[in-house]
Amino acid sequence: MQVMEVEDLFAWCEGRNGRLRINTMLTGDVRPGDWLLTFMDSAREIIDAGRAALINSALEALARVAAGETDFDDCFADLIGREPQLPDFLRAGKE
């Protein structure tokens, strides 16, 4: 969700489910324009716009699946057509 207004330990944010009042005690200070990863009306992490877009795309795919749709490849454009990569901690042992 994106922060629109800040009030003490809360922020008014807009996202997929409209405008919500989000508790920001876990993240500390936020500013209008910041993006938050939220769960149950609480901010869990301040994230960048790119990560917010990826998360929103994944949530869109889940919504389509829940609605019975089977076409959601466009929601994972960052994954389509590329080889999976091992994480650095696993790759180090292979070299």
C-alpha atoms as a PDB file:
ATOM      1  CA  MET A   1       0.000   0.000   0.000  1.00  0.00           C
ATOM      2  CA  GLN A   2       1.157   3.541  -0.613  1.00  0.00           C
ATOM      3  CA  VAL A   3       1.208   6.099   2.194  1.00  0.00           C
ATOM      4  CA  MET A   4      -1.025   9.104   1.533  1.00  0.00           C
ATOM      5  CA  GLU A   5      -1.135  10.804   4.968  1.00  0.00           C
ATOM      6  CA  VAL A   6       0.620  10.228   8.292  1.00  0.00           C
ATOM      7  CA  GLU A   7      -0.954  10.557  11.788  1.00  0.00           C
ATOM      8  CA  ASP A   8       1.362   9.696  14.705  1.00  0.00           C
ATOM      9  CA  LEU A   9       1.693   5.874  14.651  1.00  0.00           C
ATOM     10  CA  PHE A  10      -0.775   5.446  11.794  1.00  0.00           C
ATOM     11  CA  ALA A  11      -0.825   6.188   8.085  1.00  0.00           C
ATOM     12  CA  TRP A  12      -3.690   6.491   5.654  1.00  0.00           C
ATOM     13  CA  CYS A  13      -2.739   4.301   2.723  1.00  0.00           C
ATOM     14  CA  GLU A  14      -4.210   3.382  -0.640  1.00  0.00           C
ATOM     15  CA  GLY A  15      -3.895   0.040  -2.338  1.00  0.00           C
ATOM     16  CA  ARG A  16      -5.766  -2.867  -3.881  1.00  0.00           C
ATOM     17  CA  ASN A  17      -8.519  -2.753  -1.253  1.00  0.00           C
ATOM     18  CA  GLY A  18      -9.030   1.004  -1.240  1.00  0.00           C
ATOM     19  CA  ARG A  19      -8.051   3.439   1.496  1.00  0.00           C
ATOM     20  CA  LEU A  20      -7.136   2.010   4.911  1.00  0.00           C
ATOM     21  CA  ARG A  21      -5.710   3.278   8.192  1.00  0.00           C
ATOM     22  CA  ILE A  22      -2.493   1.297   8.759  1.00  0.00           C
ATOM     23  CA  ASN A  23      -0.626   0.925  12.058  1.00  0.00           C
ATOM     24  CA  THR A  24       3.057   1.816  11.544  1.00  0.00           C
ATOM     25  CA  MET A  25       4.470   0.895  14.978  1.00  0.00           C
ATOM     26  CA  LEU A  26       6.615  -1.916  13.504  1.00  0.00           C
ATOM     27  CA  THR A  27       8.168   0.175  10.736  1.00  0.00           C
ATOM     28  CA  GLY A  28       8.745   3.478  12.491  1.00  0.00           C
ATOM     29  CA  ASP A  29       8.486   6.777  10.645  1.00  0.00           C
ATOM     30  CA  VAL A  30       6.924   6.736   7.196  1.00  0.00           C
ATOM     31  CA  ARG A  31       6.323   9.563   4.735  1.00  0.00           C
ATOM     32  CA  PRO A  32       3.670  10.198   2.096  1.00  0.00           C
ATOM     33  CA  GLY A  33       4.727   8.372  -1.041  1.00  0.00           C
ATOM     34  CA  ASP A  34       6.366   5.467   0.826  1.00  0.00           C
ATOM     35  CA  TRP A  35       5.243   1.924  -0.001  1.00  0.00           C
ATOM     36  CA  LEU A  36       4.392  -0.516   2.794  1.00  0.00           C
ATOM     37  CA  LEU A  37       4.046  -4.273   2.941  1.00  0.00           C
ATOM     38  CA  THR A  38       0.978  -4.693   5.157  1.00  0.00           C
ATOM     39  CA  PHE A  39      -0.883  -7.515   6.883  1.00  0.00           C
ATOM     40  CA  MET A  40      -4.082  -7.186   8.888  1.00  0.00           C
ATOM     41  CA  ASP A  41      -3.995  -3.366   8.879  1.00  0.00           C
ATOM     42  CA  SER A  42      -0.391  -3.188  10.143  1.00  0.00           C
ATOM     43  CA  ALA A  43       2.739  -2.231   8.234  1.00  0.00           C
ATOM     44  CA  ARG A  44       5.367  -4.964   8.334  1.00  0.00           C
ATOM     45  CA  GLU A  45       8.057  -3.413   6.142  1.00  0.00           C
ATOM     46  CA  ILE A  46       8.829  -0.307   4.093  1.00  0.00           C
ATOM     47  CA  ILE A  47       9.441  -1.438   0.509  1.00  0.00           C
ATOM     48  CA  ASP A  48      10.344   0.224  -2.776  1.00  0.00           C
ATOM     49  CA  ALA A  49       7.916   0.831  -5.649  1.00  0.00           C
ATOM     50  CA  GLY A  50       9.399  -1.998  -7.727  1.00  0.00           C
ATOM     51  CA  ARG A  51       8.817  -4.594  -5.032  1.00  0.00           C
ATOM     52  CA  ALA A  52       5.317  -3.208  -4.440  1.00  0.00           C
ATOM     53  CA  ALA A  53       4.531  -3.694  -8.140  1.00  0.00           C
ATOM     54  CA  LEU A  54       5.756  -7.320  -8.048  1.00  0.00           C
ATOM     55  CA  ILE A  55       3.687  -8.051  -4.940  1.00  0.00           C
ATOM     56  CA  ASN A  56       0.600  -6.446  -6.473  1.00  0.00           C
ATOM     57  CA  SER A  57       1.045  -8.548  -9.611  1.00  0.00           C
ATOM     58  CA  ALA A  58       1.261 -11.738  -7.533  1.00  0.00           C
ATOM     59  CA  LEU A  59      -1.870 -10.732  -5.589  1.00  0.00           C
ATOM     60  CA  GLU A  60      -3.656 -10.100  -8.887  1.00  0.00           C
ATOM     61  CA  ALA A  61      -2.741 -13.637  -9.991  1.00  0.00           C
ATOM     62  CA  LEU A  62      -4.176 -15.053  -6.757  1.00  0.00           C
ATOM     63  CA  ALA A  63      -7.399 -13.099  -7.277  1.00  0.00           C
ATOM     64  CA  ARG A  64      -7.718 -14.490 -10.796  1.00  0.00           C
ATOM     65  CA  VAL A  65      -7.127 -18.058  -9.603  1.00  0.00           C
ATOM     66  CA  ALA A  66      -9.733 -17.587  -6.862  1.00  0.00           C
ATOM     67  CA  ALA A  67     -12.173 -16.415  -9.543  1.00  0.00           C
ATOM     68  CA  GLY A  68     -11.520 -19.573 -11.576  1.00  0.00           C
ATOM     69  CA  GLU A  69      -9.378 -17.961 -14.249  1.00  0.00           C
ATOM     70  CA  THR A  70      -6.378 -19.788 -15.687  1.00  0.00           C
ATOM     71  CA  ASP A  71      -4.696 -16.965 -17.612  1.00  0.00           C
ATOM     72  CA  PHE A  72      -2.318 -15.147 -15.297  1.00  0.00           C
ATOM     73  CA  ASP A  73       1.111 -15.401 -16.974  1.00  0.00           C
ATOM     74  CA  ASP A  74       1.136 -11.607 -17.426  1.00  0.00           C
ATOM     75  CA  CYS A  75       1.228 -11.306 -13.620  1.00  0.00           C
ATOM     76  CA  PHE A  76       4.653 -12.954 -13.581  1.00  0.00           C
ATOM     77  CA  ALA A  77       6.322 -11.220 -16.514  1.00  0.00           C
ATOM     78  CA  ASP A  78       9.538 -10.965 -14.463  1.00  0.00           C
ATOM     79  CA  LEU A  79       9.724 -14.792 -14.282  1.00  0.00           C
ATOM     80  CA  ILE A  80       8.525 -15.843 -17.741  1.00  0.00           C
ATOM     81  CA  GLY A  81      11.275 -16.779 -20.191  1.00  0.00           C
ATOM     82  CA  ARG A  82      14.219 -16.835 -17.806  1.00  0.00           C
ATOM     83  CA  GLU A  83      16.185 -19.619 -16.186  1.00  0.00           C
ATOM     84  CA  PRO A  84      15.810 -20.034 -12.431  1.00  0.00           C
ATOM     85  CA  GLN A  85      18.881 -18.897 -10.477  1.00  0.00           C
ATOM     86  CA  LEU A  86      20.304 -20.485  -7.352  1.00  0.00           C
ATOM     87  CA  PRO A  87      20.603 -18.157  -4.351  1.00  0.00           C
ATOM     88  CA  ASP A  88      24.154 -16.946  -3.643  1.00  0.00           C
ATOM     89  CA  PHE A  89      24.565 -19.159  -0.571  1.00  0.00           C
ATOM     90  CA  LEU A  90      23.856 -22.282  -2.669  1.00  0.00           C
ATOM     91  CA  ARG A  91      25.785 -21.106  -5.722  1.00  0.00           C
ATOM     92  CA  ALA A  92      29.027 -20.691  -3.732  1.00  0.00           C
ATOM     93  CA  GLY A  93      29.280 -24.436  -3.133  1.00  0.00           C
ATOM     94  CA  LYS A  94      28.819 -25.234  -6.849  1.00  0.00           C
ATOM     95  CA  GLU A  95      31.734 -23.169  -8.165  1.00  0.00           C
END
